[in-house]
PDB file of N, CA and C in Angstrom:
ATOM      1  N   GLN A   1      13.569  20.442  46.559  1.00  0.00           N
ATOM      2  CA  GLN A   1      12.593  21.464  46.180  1.00  0.00           C
ATOM      3  C   GLN A   1      11.253  20.790  45.904  1.00  0.00           C
ATOM      4  N   LEU A   2      10.203  21.271  46.568  1.00  0.00           N
ATOM      5  CA  LEU A   2       8.884  20.708  46.371  1.00  0.00           C
ATOM      6  C   LEU A   2       8.322  21.208  45.049  1.00  0.00           C
ATOM      7  N   GLN A   3       7.837  20.289  44.248  1.00  0.00           N
ATOM      8  CA  GLN A   3       7.349  20.682  42.936  1.00  0.00           C
ATOM      9  C   GLN A   3       6.204  19.794  42.487  1.00  0.00           C
ATOM     10  N   LEU A   4       5.213  20.420  41.845  1.00  0.00           N
ATOM     11  CA  LEU A   4       4.127  19.712  41.182  1.00  0.00           C
ATOM     12  C   LEU A   4       4.126  20.147  39.721  1.00  0.00           C
ATOM     13  N   VAL A   5       4.023  19.184  38.831  1.00  0.00           N
ATOM     14  CA  VAL A   5       4.053  19.494  37.402  1.00  0.00           C
ATOM     15  C   VAL A   5       2.860  18.825  36.727  1.00  0.00           C
ATOM     16  N   GLU A   6       2.021  19.650  36.084  1.00  0.00           N
ATOM     17  CA  GLU A   6       0.880  19.130  35.338  1.00  0.00           C
ATOM     18  C   GLU A   6       1.274  18.850  33.896  1.00  0.00           C
ATOM     19  N   SER A   7       0.628  17.873  33.303  1.00  0.00           N
ATOM     20  CA  SER A   7       0.814  17.580  31.882  1.00  0.00           C
ATOM     21  C   SER A   7      -0.473  16.982  31.333  1.00  0.00           C
ATOM     22  N   GLY A   8      -0.585  16.989  30.005  1.00  0.00           N
ATOM     23  CA  GLY A   8      -1.742  16.368  29.364  1.00  0.00           C
ATOM     24  C   GLY A   8      -2.773  17.336  28.856  1.00  0.00           C
ATOM     25  N   GLY A   9      -2.537  18.628  29.036  1.00  0.00           N
ATOM     26  CA  GLY A   9      -3.482  19.595  28.517  1.00  0.00           C
ATOM     27  C   GLY A   9      -3.391  19.699  27.011  1.00  0.00           C
ATOM     28  N   GLY A  10      -4.301  20.474  26.431  1.00  0.00           N
ATOM     29  CA  GLY A  10      -4.271  20.664  24.991  1.00  0.00           C
ATOM     30  C   GLY A  10      -5.593  21.122  24.447  1.00  0.00           C
ATOM     31  N   LEU A  11      -5.724  21.012  23.140  1.00  0.00           N
ATOM     32  CA  LEU A  11      -6.946  21.404  22.431  1.00  0.00           C
ATOM     33  C   LEU A  11      -7.760  20.151  22.127  1.00  0.00           C
ATOM     34  N   VAL A  12      -9.039  20.205  22.452  1.00  0.00           N
ATOM     35  CA  VAL A  12      -9.911  19.062  22.212  1.00  0.00           C
ATOM     36  C   VAL A  12     -11.269  19.575  21.744  1.00  0.00           C
ATOM     37  N   GLN A  13     -11.933  18.793  20.925  1.00  0.00           N
ATOM     38  CA  GLN A  13     -13.257  19.177  20.433  1.00  0.00           C
ATOM     39  C   GLN A  13     -14.314  18.931  21.506  1.00  0.00           C
ATOM     40  N   PRO A  14     -15.411  19.657  21.449  1.00  0.00           N
ATOM     41  CA  PRO A  14     -16.513  19.385  22.387  1.00  0.00           C
ATOM     42  C   PRO A  14     -16.937  17.922  22.336  1.00  0.00           C
ATOM     43  N   GLY A  15     -17.151  17.359  23.524  1.00  0.00           N
ATOM     44  CA  GLY A  15     -17.486  15.951  23.624  1.00  0.00           C
ATOM     45  C   GLY A  15     -16.283  15.050  23.760  1.00  0.00           C
ATOM     46  N   GLY A  16     -15.089  15.621  23.616  1.00  0.00           N
ATOM     47  CA  GLY A  16     -13.868  14.845  23.675  1.00  0.00           C
ATOM     48  C   GLY A  16     -13.400  14.546  25.088  1.00  0.00           C
ATOM     49  N   THR A  17     -12.239  13.898  25.148  1.00  0.00           N
ATOM     50  CA  THR A  17     -11.672  13.425  26.403  1.00  0.00           C
ATOM     51  C   THR A  17     -10.211  13.841  26.531  1.00  0.00           C
ATOM     52  N   LEU A  18      -9.822  14.177  27.763  1.00  0.00           N
ATOM     53  CA  LEU A  18      -8.419  14.456  28.082  1.00  0.00           C
ATOM     54  C   LEU A  18      -8.124  13.890  29.457  1.00  0.00           C
ATOM     55  N   ARG A  19      -6.877  13.519  29.670  1.00  0.00           N
ATOM     56  CA  ARG A  19      -6.446  13.136  31.006  1.00  0.00           C
ATOM     57  C   ARG A  19      -5.272  14.003  31.416  1.00  0.00           C
ATOM     58  N   LEU A  20      -5.443  14.705  32.518  1.00  0.00           N
ATOM     59  CA  LEU A  20      -4.359  15.502  33.077  1.00  0.00           C
ATOM     60  C   LEU A  20      -3.601  14.664  34.112  1.00  0.00           C
ATOM     61  N   SER A  21      -2.298  14.836  34.117  1.00  0.00           N
ATOM     62  CA  SER A  21      -1.457  14.176  35.109  1.00  0.00           C
ATOM     63  C   SER A  21      -0.788  15.233  35.973  1.00  0.00           C
ATOM     64  N   CYS A  22      -0.512  14.856  37.209  1.00  0.00           N
ATOM     65  CA  CYS A  22       0.171  15.737  38.153  1.00  0.00           C
ATOM     66  C   CYS A  22       1.270  14.912  38.804  1.00  0.00           C
ATOM     67  N   ALA A  23       2.509  15.264  38.517  1.00  0.00           N
ATOM     68  CA  ALA A  23       3.651  14.534  39.061  1.00  0.00           C
ATOM     69  C   ALA A  23       4.319  15.365  40.148  1.00  0.00           C
ATOM     70  N   ALA A  24       4.598  14.738  41.272  1.00  0.00           N
ATOM     71  CA  ALA A  24       5.236  15.420  42.393  1.00  0.00           C
ATOM     72  C   ALA A  24       6.703  15.021  42.496  1.00  0.00           C
ATOM     73  N   SER A  25       7.517  15.965  42.902  1.00  0.00           N
ATOM     74  CA  SER A  25       8.926  15.684  43.176  1.00  0.00           C
ATOM     75  C   SER A  25       9.347  16.474  44.415  1.00  0.00           C
ATOM     76  N   GLY A  26      10.295  15.925  45.135  1.00  0.00           N
ATOM     77  CA  GLY A  26      10.795  16.600  46.330  1.00  0.00           C
ATOM     78  C   GLY A  26       9.997  16.322  47.586  1.00  0.00           C
ATOM     79  N   PHE A  27       8.876  15.628  47.456  1.00  0.00           N
ATOM     80  CA  PHE A  27       8.082  15.242  48.606  1.00  0.00           C
ATOM     81  C   PHE A  27       7.158  14.100  48.202  1.00  0.00           C
ATOM     82  N   SER A  28       6.629  13.410  49.203  1.00  0.00           N
ATOM     83  CA  SER A  28       5.734  12.294  48.951  1.00  0.00           C
ATOM     84  C   SER A  28       4.283  12.754  49.032  1.00  0.00           C
ATOM     85  N   LEU A  29       3.526  12.432  47.964  1.00  0.00           N
ATOM     86  CA  LEU A  29       2.127  12.842  47.918  1.00  0.00           C
ATOM     87  C   LEU A  29       1.222  12.020  48.821  1.00  0.00           C
ATOM     88  N   GLN A  30       1.711  10.911  49.328  1.00  0.00           N
ATOM     89  CA  GLN A  30       0.822   9.957  49.970  1.00  0.00           C
ATOM     90  C   GLN A  30       0.123  10.518  51.200  1.00  0.00           C
ATOM     91  N   TYR A  31       0.699  11.551  51.816  1.00  0.00           N
ATOM     92  CA  TYR A  31       0.080  12.111  53.017  1.00  0.00           C
ATOM     93  C   TYR A  31      -0.795  13.325  52.706  1.00  0.00           C
ATOM     94  N   TYR A  32      -0.865  13.704  51.432  1.00  0.00           N
ATOM     95  CA  TYR A  32      -1.520  14.932  51.041  1.00  0.00           C
ATOM     96  C   TYR A  32      -2.869  14.686  50.368  1.00  0.00           C
ATOM     97  N   THR A  33      -3.798  15.572  50.648  1.00  0.00           N
ATOM     98  CA  THR A  33      -4.998  15.673  49.828  1.00  0.00           C
ATOM     99  C   THR A  33      -4.616  16.359  48.520  1.00  0.00           C
ATOM    100  N   ILE A  34      -5.128  15.830  47.419  1.00  0.00           N
ATOM    101  CA  ILE A  34      -4.870  16.416  46.106  1.00  0.00           C
ATOM    102  C   ILE A  34      -6.122  17.142  45.626  1.00  0.00           C
ATOM    103  N   GLY A  35      -5.908  18.320  45.083  1.00  0.00           N
ATOM    104  CA  GLY A  35      -7.023  19.072  44.508  1.00  0.00           C
ATOM    105  C   GLY A  35      -6.711  19.461  43.075  1.00  0.00           C
ATOM    106  N   TRP A  36      -7.749  19.519  42.277  1.00  0.00           N
ATOM    107  CA  TRP A  36      -7.650  20.042  40.922  1.00  0.00           C
ATOM    108  C   TRP A  36      -8.502  21.304  40.851  1.00  0.00           C
ATOM    109  N   PHE A  37      -7.937  22.348  40.300  1.00  0.00           N
ATOM    110  CA  PHE A  37      -8.600  23.632  40.196  1.00  0.00           C
ATOM    111  C   PHE A  37      -8.478  24.135  38.755  1.00  0.00           C
ATOM    112  N   ARG A  38      -9.305  25.089  38.420  1.00  0.00           N
ATOM    113  CA  ARG A  38      -9.196  25.696  37.099  1.00  0.00           C
ATOM    114  C   ARG A  38      -9.498  27.179  37.188  1.00  0.00           C
ATOM    115  N   GLN A  39      -8.939  27.899  36.230  1.00  0.00           N
ATOM    116  CA  GLN A  39      -9.178  29.341  36.172  1.00  0.00           C
ATOM    117  C   GLN A  39      -9.296  29.765  34.722  1.00  0.00           C
ATOM    118  N   ALA A  40     -10.453  30.290  34.399  1.00  0.00           N
ATOM    119  CA  ALA A  40     -10.703  30.814  33.060  1.00  0.00           C
ATOM    120  C   ALA A  40     -10.408  32.306  33.056  1.00  0.00           C
ATOM    121  N   PRO A  41     -10.127  32.883  31.888  1.00  0.00           N
ATOM    122  CA  PRO A  41      -9.821  34.313  31.823  1.00  0.00           C
ATOM    123  C   PRO A  41     -10.929  35.157  32.424  1.00  0.00           C
ATOM    124  N   GLY A  42     -10.538  36.061  33.317  1.00  0.00           N
ATOM    125  CA  GLY A  42     -11.500  36.957  33.928  1.00  0.00           C
ATOM    126  C   GLY A  42     -12.328  36.360  35.043  1.00  0.00           C
ATOM    127  N   LYS A  43     -12.035  35.109  35.396  1.00  0.00           N
ATOM    128  CA  LYS A  43     -12.801  34.442  36.449  1.00  0.00           C
ATOM    129  C   LYS A  43     -11.887  34.031  37.602  1.00  0.00           C
ATOM    130  N   GLU A  44     -12.499  33.797  38.755  1.00  0.00           N
ATOM    131  CA  GLU A  44     -11.739  33.326  39.901  1.00  0.00           C
ATOM    132  C   GLU A  44     -11.381  31.848  39.752  1.00  0.00           C
ATOM    133  N   ARG A  45     -10.341  31.458  40.455  1.00  0.00           N
ATOM    134  CA  ARG A  45      -9.959  30.049  40.466  1.00  0.00           C
ATOM    135  C   ARG A  45     -11.038  29.257  41.197  1.00  0.00           C
ATOM    136  N   GLU A  46     -11.462  28.150  40.606  1.00  0.00           N
ATOM    137  CA  GLU A  46     -12.510  27.349  41.220  1.00  0.00           C
ATOM    138  C   GLU A  46     -12.056  25.904  41.413  1.00  0.00           C
ATOM    139  N   GLY A  47     -12.568  25.294  42.455  1.00  0.00           N
ATOM    140  CA  GLY A  47     -12.263  23.896  42.706  1.00  0.00           C
ATOM    141  C   GLY A  47     -13.032  22.996  41.766  1.00  0.00           C
ATOM    142  N   VAL A  48     -12.351  22.020  41.215  1.00  0.00           N
ATOM    143  CA  VAL A  48     -12.946  21.077  40.270  1.00  0.00           C
ATOM    144  C   VAL A  48     -13.145  19.718  40.928  1.00  0.00           C
ATOM    145  N   SER A  49     -12.081  19.230  41.577  1.00  0.00           N
ATOM    146  CA  SER A  49     -12.158  17.903  42.177  1.00  0.00           C
ATOM    147  C   SER A  49     -11.086  17.774  43.251  1.00  0.00           C
ATOM    148  N   SER A  50     -11.306  16.827  44.151  1.00  0.00           N
ATOM    149  CA  SER A  50     -10.341  16.572  45.223  1.00  0.00           C
ATOM    150  C   SER A  50     -10.382  15.096  45.589  1.00  0.00           C
ATOM    151  N   ILE A  51      -9.232  14.580  46.021  1.00  0.00           N
ATOM    152  CA  ILE A  51      -9.157  13.186  46.451  1.00  0.00           C
ATOM    153  C   ILE A  51      -8.340  13.132  47.737  1.00  0.00           C
ATOM    154  N   SER A  52      -8.827  12.357  48.698  1.00  0.00           N
ATOM    155  CA  SER A  52      -8.180  12.317  50.002  1.00  0.00           C
ATOM    156  C   SER A  52      -6.860  11.559  49.949  1.00  0.00           C
ATOM    157  N   SER A  53      -6.064  11.758  50.992  1.00  0.00           N
ATOM    158  CA  SER A  53      -4.738  11.148  51.042  1.00  0.00           C
ATOM    159  C   SER A  53      -4.815   9.623  50.997  1.00  0.00           C
ATOM    160  N   GLY A  54      -5.832   9.072  51.627  1.00  0.00           N
ATOM    161  CA  GLY A  54      -5.975   7.624  51.651  1.00  0.00           C
ATOM    162  C   GLY A  54      -6.751   7.065  50.488  1.00  0.00           C
ATOM    163  N   ASP A  55      -7.041   7.914  49.496  1.00  0.00           N
ATOM    164  CA  ASP A  55      -7.765   7.463  48.288  1.00  0.00           C
ATOM    165  C   ASP A  55      -9.133   6.886  48.663  1.00  0.00           C
ATOM    166  N   VAL A  56      -9.745   7.459  49.694  1.00  0.00           N
ATOM    167  CA  VAL A  56     -11.036   6.952  50.158  1.00  0.00           C
ATOM    168  C   VAL A  56     -12.174   7.858  49.715  1.00  0.00           C
ATOM    169  N   PHE A  57     -11.954   9.155  49.809  1.00  0.00           N
ATOM    170  CA  PHE A  57     -13.008  10.116  49.515  1.00  0.00           C
ATOM    171  C   PHE A  57     -12.640  10.983  48.318  1.00  0.00           C
ATOM    172  N   THR A  58     -13.662  11.353  47.555  1.00  0.00           N
ATOM    173  CA  THR A  58     -13.492  12.279  46.446  1.00  0.00           C
ATOM    174  C   THR A  58     -14.579  13.331  46.498  1.00  0.00           C
ATOM    175  N   ALA A  59     -14.326  14.438  45.838  1.00  0.00           N
ATOM    176  CA  ALA A  59     -15.309  15.510  45.747  1.00  0.00           C
ATOM    177  C   ALA A  59     -15.225  16.120  44.358  1.00  0.00           C
ATOM    178  N   TYR A  60     -16.386  16.590  43.871  1.00  0.00           N
ATOM    179  CA  TYR A  60     -16.447  17.199  42.549  1.00  0.00           C
ATOM    180  C   TYR A  60     -17.330  18.434  42.583  1.00  0.00           C
ATOM    181  N   ALA A  61     -16.959  19.412  41.787  1.00  0.00           N
ATOM    182  CA  ALA A  61     -17.844  20.546  41.564  1.00  0.00           C
ATOM    183  C   ALA A  61     -19.076  20.052  40.803  1.00  0.00           C
ATOM    184  N   ASP A  62     -20.209  20.675  41.062  1.00  0.00           N
ATOM    185  CA  ASP A  62     -21.447  20.256  40.394  1.00  0.00           C
ATOM    186  C   ASP A  62     -21.319  20.305  38.872  1.00  0.00           C
ATOM    187  N   SER A  63     -20.539  21.259  38.396  1.00  0.00           N
ATOM    188  CA  SER A  63     -20.423  21.457  36.948  1.00  0.00           C
ATOM    189  C   SER A  63     -19.695  20.313  36.240  1.00  0.00           C
ATOM    190  N   VAL A  64     -18.967  19.476  36.994  1.00  0.00           N
ATOM    191  CA  VAL A  64     -18.194  18.410  36.357  1.00  0.00           C
ATOM    192  C   VAL A  64     -18.614  17.018  36.809  1.00  0.00           C
ATOM    193  N   LYS A  65     -19.554  16.937  37.743  1.00  0.00           N
ATOM    194  CA  LYS A  65     -19.992  15.628  38.231  1.00  0.00           C
ATOM    195  C   LYS A  65     -20.510  14.766  37.098  1.00  0.00           C
ATOM    196  N   GLY A  66     -20.070  13.521  37.094  1.00  0.00           N
ATOM    197  CA  GLY A  66     -20.491  12.589  36.055  1.00  0.00           C
ATOM    198  C   GLY A  66     -19.655  12.669  34.793  1.00  0.00           C
ATOM    199  N   ARG A  67     -18.800  13.676  34.693  1.00  0.00           N
ATOM    200  CA  ARG A  67     -17.945  13.831  33.502  1.00  0.00           C
ATOM    201  C   ARG A  67     -16.468  13.701  33.841  1.00  0.00           C
ATOM    202  N   PHE A  68     -16.068  14.161  35.020  1.00  0.00           N
ATOM    203  CA  PHE A  68     -14.669  14.128  35.430  1.00  0.00           C
ATOM    204  C   PHE A  68     -14.478  13.064  36.505  1.00  0.00           C
ATOM    205  N   SER A  69     -13.267  12.499  36.524  1.00  0.00           N
ATOM    206  CA  SER A  69     -12.936  11.500  37.523  1.00  0.00           C
ATOM    207  C   SER A  69     -11.505  11.727  38.009  1.00  0.00           C
ATOM    208  N   VAL A  70     -11.338  11.771  39.324  1.00  0.00           N
ATOM    209  CA  VAL A  70     -10.020  12.002  39.911  1.00  0.00           C
ATOM    210  C   VAL A  70      -9.473  10.686  40.453  1.00  0.00           C
ATOM    211  N   SER A  71      -8.164  10.522  40.355  1.00  0.00           N
ATOM    212  CA  SER A  71      -7.515   9.325  40.891  1.00  0.00           C
ATOM    213  C   SER A  71      -6.094   9.678  41.301  1.00  0.00           C
ATOM    214  N   ARG A  72      -5.471   8.747  41.989  1.00  0.00           N
ATOM    215  CA  ARG A  72      -4.091   8.968  42.410  1.00  0.00           C
ATOM    216  C   ARG A  72      -3.354   7.636  42.427  1.00  0.00           C
ATOM    217  N   ASP A  73      -2.038   7.716  42.292  1.00  0.00           N
ATOM    218  CA  ASP A  73      -1.183   6.534  42.377  1.00  0.00           C
ATOM    219  C   ASP A  73      -0.010   6.931  43.272  1.00  0.00           C
ATOM    220  N   ASN A  74      -0.125   6.613  44.539  1.00  0.00           N
ATOM    221  CA  ASN A  74       0.915   7.035  45.488  1.00  0.00           C
ATOM    222  C   ASN A  74       2.257   6.369  45.193  1.00  0.00           C
ATOM    223  N   ALA A  75       2.229   5.181  44.616  1.00  0.00           N
ATOM    224  CA  ALA A  75       3.488   4.517  44.267  1.00  0.00           C
ATOM    225  C   ALA A  75       4.255   5.299  43.198  1.00  0.00           C
ATOM    226  N   LYS A  76       3.498   5.968  42.323  1.00  0.00           N
ATOM    227  CA  LYS A  76       4.131   6.777  41.267  1.00  0.00           C
ATOM    228  C   LYS A  76       4.235   8.248  41.674  1.00  0.00           C
ATOM    229  N   ASN A  77       3.746   8.539  42.888  1.00  0.00           N
ATOM    230  CA  ASN A  77       3.775   9.929  43.372  1.00  0.00           C
ATOM    231  C   ASN A  77       3.064  10.863  42.398  1.00  0.00           C
ATOM    232  N   ALA A  78       1.876  10.443  41.960  1.00  0.00           N
ATOM    233  CA  ALA A  78       1.170  11.183  40.927  1.00  0.00           C
ATOM    234  C   ALA A  78      -0.336  11.152  41.162  1.00  0.00           C
ATOM    235  N   ALA A  79      -1.015  12.079  40.521  1.00  0.00           N
ATOM    236  CA  ALA A  79      -2.469  12.136  40.547  1.00  0.00           C
ATOM    237  C   ALA A  79      -2.956  12.444  39.134  1.00  0.00           C
ATOM    238  N   TYR A  80      -4.249  12.167  38.907  1.00  0.00           N
ATOM    239  CA  TYR A  80      -4.783  12.296  37.556  1.00  0.00           C
ATOM    240  C   TYR A  80      -6.185  12.880  37.596  1.00  0.00           C
ATOM    241  N   LEU A  81      -6.535  13.562  36.521  1.00  0.00           N
ATOM    242  CA  LEU A  81      -7.904  14.045  36.339  1.00  0.00           C
ATOM    243  C   LEU A  81      -8.345  13.618  34.948  1.00  0.00           C
ATOM    244  N   HIS A  82      -9.270  12.670  34.917  1.00  0.00           N
ATOM    245  CA  HIS A  82      -9.810  12.202  33.645  1.00  0.00           C
ATOM    246  C   HIS A  82     -11.054  13.006  33.323  1.00  0.00           C
ATOM    247  N   MET A  83     -11.025  13.688  32.182  1.00  0.00           N
ATOM    248  CA  MET A  83     -12.111  14.577  31.799  1.00  0.00           C
ATOM    249  C   MET A  83     -12.766  14.052  30.527  1.00  0.00           C
ATOM    250  N   SER A  84     -14.064  13.849  30.585  1.00  0.00           N
ATOM    251  CA  SER A  84     -14.786  13.362  29.417  1.00  0.00           C
ATOM    252  C   SER A  84     -15.979  14.270  29.128  1.00  0.00           C
ATOM    253  N   ARG A  85     -16.557  14.092  27.972  1.00  0.00           N
ATOM    254  CA  ARG A  85     -17.699  14.908  27.525  1.00  0.00           C
ATOM    255  C   ARG A  85     -17.403  16.384  27.752  1.00  0.00           C
ATOM    256  N   LEU A  86     -16.248  16.795  27.326  1.00  0.00           N
ATOM    257  CA  LEU A  86     -15.798  18.162  27.560  1.00  0.00           C
ATOM    258  C   LEU A  86     -16.659  19.171  26.817  1.00  0.00           C
ATOM    259  N   LYS A  87     -16.822  20.325  27.453  1.00  0.00           N
ATOM    260  CA  LYS A  87     -17.637  21.403  26.912  1.00  0.00           C
ATOM    261  C   LYS A  87     -16.762  22.652  26.746  1.00  0.00           C
ATOM    262  N   PRO A  88     -17.177  23.580  25.879  1.00  0.00           N
ATOM    263  CA  PRO A  88     -16.407  24.823  25.761  1.00  0.00           C
ATOM    264  C   PRO A  88     -16.248  25.541  27.096  1.00  0.00           C
ATOM    265  N   GLY A  89     -17.228  25.420  27.973  1.00  0.00           N
ATOM    266  CA  GLY A  89     -17.155  26.047  29.291  1.00  0.00           C
ATOM    267  C   GLY A  89     -16.102  25.451  30.197  1.00  0.00           C
ATOM    268  N   ASP A  90     -15.517  24.318  29.806  1.00  0.00           N
ATOM    269  CA  ASP A  90     -14.429  23.724  30.584  1.00  0.00           C
ATOM    270  C   ASP A  90     -13.078  24.331  30.235  1.00  0.00           C
ATOM    271  N   THR A  91     -13.043  25.182  29.243  1.00  0.00           N
ATOM    272  CA  THR A  91     -11.793  25.820  28.849  1.00  0.00           C
ATOM    273  C   THR A  91     -11.228  26.657  29.984  1.00  0.00           C
ATOM    274  N   ALA A  92      -9.989  26.382  30.351  1.00  0.00           N
ATOM    275  CA  ALA A  92      -9.348  27.072  31.474  1.00  0.00           C
ATOM    276  C   ALA A  92      -7.922  26.562  31.616  1.00  0.00           C
ATOM    277  N   VAL A  93      -7.174  27.228  32.474  1.00  0.00           N
ATOM    278  CA  VAL A  93      -5.903  26.672  32.943  1.00  0.00           C
ATOM    279  C   VAL A  93      -6.213  25.803  34.151  1.00  0.00           C
ATOM    280  N   TYR A  94      -5.748  24.567  34.106  1.00  0.00           N
ATOM    281  CA  TYR A  94      -6.004  23.616  35.182  1.00  0.00           C
ATOM    282  C   TYR A  94      -4.757  23.449  36.041  1.00  0.00           C
ATOM    283  N   TYR A  95      -4.979  23.478  37.357  1.00  0.00           N
ATOM    284  CA  TYR A  95      -3.885  23.369  38.317  1.00  0.00           C
ATOM    285  C   TYR A  95      -4.110  22.166  39.231  1.00  0.00           C
ATOM    286  N   CYS A  96      -3.041  21.467  39.553  1.00  0.00           N
ATOM    287  CA  CYS A  96      -3.129  20.508  40.648  1.00  0.00           C
ATOM    288  C   CYS A  96      -2.468  21.143  41.863  1.00  0.00           C
ATOM    289  N   ALA A  97      -2.920  20.718  43.027  1.00  0.00           N
ATOM    290  CA  ALA A  97      -2.407  21.261  44.274  1.00  0.00           C
ATOM    291  C   ALA A  97      -2.425  20.180  45.343  1.00  0.00           C
ATOM    292  N   ALA A  98      -1.572  20.354  46.341  1.00  0.00           N
ATOM    293  CA  ALA A  98      -1.470  19.389  47.433  1.00  0.00           C
ATOM    294  C   ALA A  98      -1.650  20.105  48.758  1.00  0.00           C
ATOM    295  N   ALA A  99      -2.370  19.450  49.665  1.00  0.00           N
ATOM    296  CA  ALA A  99      -2.664  20.060  50.956  1.00  0.00           C
ATOM    297  C   ALA A  99      -2.535  19.054  52.088  1.00  0.00           C
ATOM    298  N   LEU A 100      -1.998  19.524  53.187  1.00  0.00           N
ATOM    299  CA  LEU A 100      -2.071  18.776  54.451  1.00  0.00           C
ATOM    300  C   LEU A 100      -3.224  19.397  55.220  1.00  0.00           C
ATOM    301  N   LEU A 101      -4.372  18.728  55.188  1.00  0.00           N
ATOM    302  CA  LEU A 101      -5.562  19.279  55.823  1.00  0.00           C
ATOM    303  C   LEU A 101      -5.618  18.909  57.298  1.00  0.00           C
ATOM    304  N   ARG A 102      -6.492  19.600  57.992  1.00  0.00           N
ATOM    305  CA  ARG A 102      -6.585  19.415  59.434  1.00  0.00           C
ATOM    306  C   ARG A 102      -6.976  17.994  59.799  1.00  0.00           C
ATOM    307  N   TYR A 103      -7.903  17.433  59.017  1.00  0.00           N
ATOM    308  CA  TYR A 103      -8.381  16.083  59.311  1.00  0.00           C
ATOM    309  C   TYR A 103      -7.869  15.108  58.270  1.00  0.00           C
ATOM    310  N   HIS A 104      -7.349  14.001  58.752  1.00  0.00           N
ATOM    311  CA  HIS A 104      -6.815  12.980  57.862  1.00  0.00           C
ATOM    312  C   HIS A 104      -7.912  12.449  56.951  1.00  0.00           C
ATOM    313  N   ASN A 105      -7.506  12.181  55.698  1.00  0.00           N
ATOM    314  CA  ASN A 105      -8.419  11.567  54.736  1.00  0.00           C
ATOM    315  C   ASN A 105      -9.618  12.448  54.394  1.00  0.00           C
ATOM    316  N   SER A 106      -9.403  13.767  54.373  1.00  0.00           N
ATOM    317  CA  SER A 106     -10.480  14.672  54.002  1.00  0.00           C
ATOM    318  C   SER A 106     -10.228  15.248  52.611  1.00  0.00           C
ATOM    319  N   VAL A 107     -11.240  15.917  52.098  1.00  0.00           N
ATOM    320  CA  VAL A 107     -11.152  16.539  50.775  1.00  0.00           C
ATOM    321  C   VAL A 107     -11.523  18.017  50.889  1.00  0.00           C
ATOM    322  N   SER A 108     -11.133  18.791  49.899  1.00  0.00           N
ATOM    323  CA  SER A 108     -11.453  20.212  49.906  1.00  0.00           C
ATOM    324  C   SER A 108     -11.405  20.763  48.489  1.00  0.00           C
ATOM    325  N   LEU A 109     -12.347  21.642  48.173  1.00  0.00           N
ATOM    326  CA  LEU A 109     -12.355  22.374  46.900  1.00  0.00           C
ATOM    327  C   LEU A 109     -12.043  23.844  47.120  1.00  0.00           C
ATOM    328  N   THR A 110     -11.451  24.159  48.258  1.00  0.00           N
ATOM    329  CA  THR A 110     -11.127  25.541  48.623  1.00  0.00           C
ATOM    330  C   THR A 110      -9.653  25.817  48.348  1.00  0.00           C
ATOM    331  N   PRO A 111      -9.352  26.673  47.384  1.00  0.00           N
ATOM    332  CA  PRO A 111      -7.937  26.922  47.033  1.00  0.00           C
ATOM    333  C   PRO A 111      -7.069  27.347  48.216  1.00  0.00           C
ATOM    334  N   ALA A 112      -7.610  28.127  49.126  1.00  0.00           N
ATOM    335  CA  ALA A 112      -6.802  28.670  50.226  1.00  0.00           C
ATOM    336  C   ALA A 112      -6.280  27.592  51.164  1.00  0.00           C
ATOM    337  N   GLU A 113      -6.838  26.402  51.087  1.00  0.00           N
ATOM    338  CA  GLU A 113      -6.400  25.328  51.982  1.00  0.00           C
ATOM    339  C   GLU A 113      -5.203  24.555  51.455  1.00  0.00           C
ATOM    340  N   TYR A 114      -4.759  24.882  50.238  1.00  0.00           N
ATOM    341  CA  TYR A 114      -3.679  24.127  49.604  1.00  0.00           C
ATOM    342  C   TYR A 114      -2.351  24.871  49.703  1.00  0.00           C
ATOM    343  N   GLN A 115      -1.307  24.103  50.056  1.00  0.00           N
ATOM    344  CA  GLN A 115       0.003  24.715  50.286  1.00  0.00           C
ATOM    345  C   GLN A 115       0.910  24.667  49.056  1.00  0.00           C
ATOM    346  N   HIS A 116       0.722  23.681  48.205  1.00  0.00           N
ATOM    347  CA  HIS A 116       1.640  23.497  47.076  1.00  0.00           C
ATOM    348  C   HIS A 116       0.855  23.466  45.778  1.00  0.00           C
ATOM    349  N   TRP A 117       1.362  24.148  44.770  1.00  0.00           N
ATOM    350  CA  TRP A 117       0.658  24.301  43.493  1.00  0.00           C
ATOM    351  C   TRP A 117       1.578  24.002  42.315  1.00  0.00           C
ATOM    352  N   GLY A 118       0.982  23.443  41.274  1.00  0.00           N
ATOM    353  CA  GLY A 118       1.679  23.306  40.011  1.00  0.00           C
ATOM    354  C   GLY A 118       1.591  24.579  39.205  1.00  0.00           C
ATOM    355  N   GLN A 119       2.216  24.569  38.039  1.00  0.00           N
ATOM    356  CA  GLN A 119       2.278  25.776  37.214  1.00  0.00           C
ATOM    357  C   GLN A 119       1.059  25.926  36.308  1.00  0.00           C
ATOM    358  N   GLY A 120       0.292  24.865  36.162  1.00  0.00           N
ATOM    359  CA  GLY A 120      -0.922  24.917  35.359  1.00  0.00           C
ATOM    360  C   GLY A 120      -0.757  24.326  33.973  1.00  0.00           C
ATOM    361  N   ALA A 121      -1.861  23.817  33.442  1.00  0.00           N
ATOM    362  CA  ALA A 121      -1.896  23.267  32.086  1.00  0.00           C
ATOM    363  C   ALA A 121      -3.132  23.795  31.378  1.00  0.00           C
ATOM    364  N   GLN A 122      -2.940  24.294  30.171  1.00  0.00           N
ATOM    365  CA  GLN A 122      -4.069  24.870  29.414  1.00  0.00           C
ATOM    366  C   GLN A 122      -4.917  23.756  28.815  1.00  0.00           C
ATOM    367  N   VAL A 123      -6.211  23.869  29.021  1.00  0.00           N
ATOM    368  CA  VAL A 123      -7.182  22.994  28.372  1.00  0.00           C
ATOM    369  C   VAL A 123      -8.129  23.878  27.579  1.00  0.00           C
ATOM    370  N   THR A 124      -8.207  23.631  26.282  1.00  0.00           N
ATOM    371  CA  THR A 124      -9.080  24.403  25.409  1.00  0.00           C
ATOM    372  C   THR A 124     -10.050  23.454  24.714  1.00  0.00           C
ATOM    373  N   VAL A 125     -11.327  23.723  24.882  1.00  0.00           N
ATOM    374  CA  VAL A 125     -12.362  22.904  24.262  1.00  0.00           C
ATOM    375  C   VAL A 125     -13.032  23.750  23.183  1.00  0.00           C
ATOM    376  N   SER A 126     -12.784  23.377  21.940  1.00  0.00           N
ATOM    377  CA  SER A 126     -13.283  24.183  20.835  1.00  0.00           C
ATOM    378  C   SER A 126     -13.342  23.339  19.570  1.00  0.00           C
ATOM    379  N   SER A 127     -14.311  23.675  18.726  1.00  0.00           N
ATOM    380  CA  SER A 127     -14.397  23.006  17.436  1.00  0.00           C
ATOM    381  C   SER A 127     -13.681  23.808  16.364  1.00  0.00           C
TER     382      SER A 127
END
């Protein structure tokens, strides 16, 4: 059974740091582009970051550039999203997703391009 499981969410004060992890089981992540998405109440799901299968290219939403960093460890079949200088506007459910894209070693912030999704992890930024 193909599965992605996020962990590391929680409550953090503004300016704080969190690291989300995404663990895969039932398939190997090494051939997949990984994406991180978030969805706040009443809003559409938006792309946050993406990393290519070969760990060569990354992409970030403008709202998180310079604050978030995406990485992957294919040996551990996992991916990570390091979030720093968190703001209340970052509050959302965060999802990791895996995609086999048309072009090798590409990235995407488009949810519709991803075939496999985790269940989500709540991140709340509040004082």
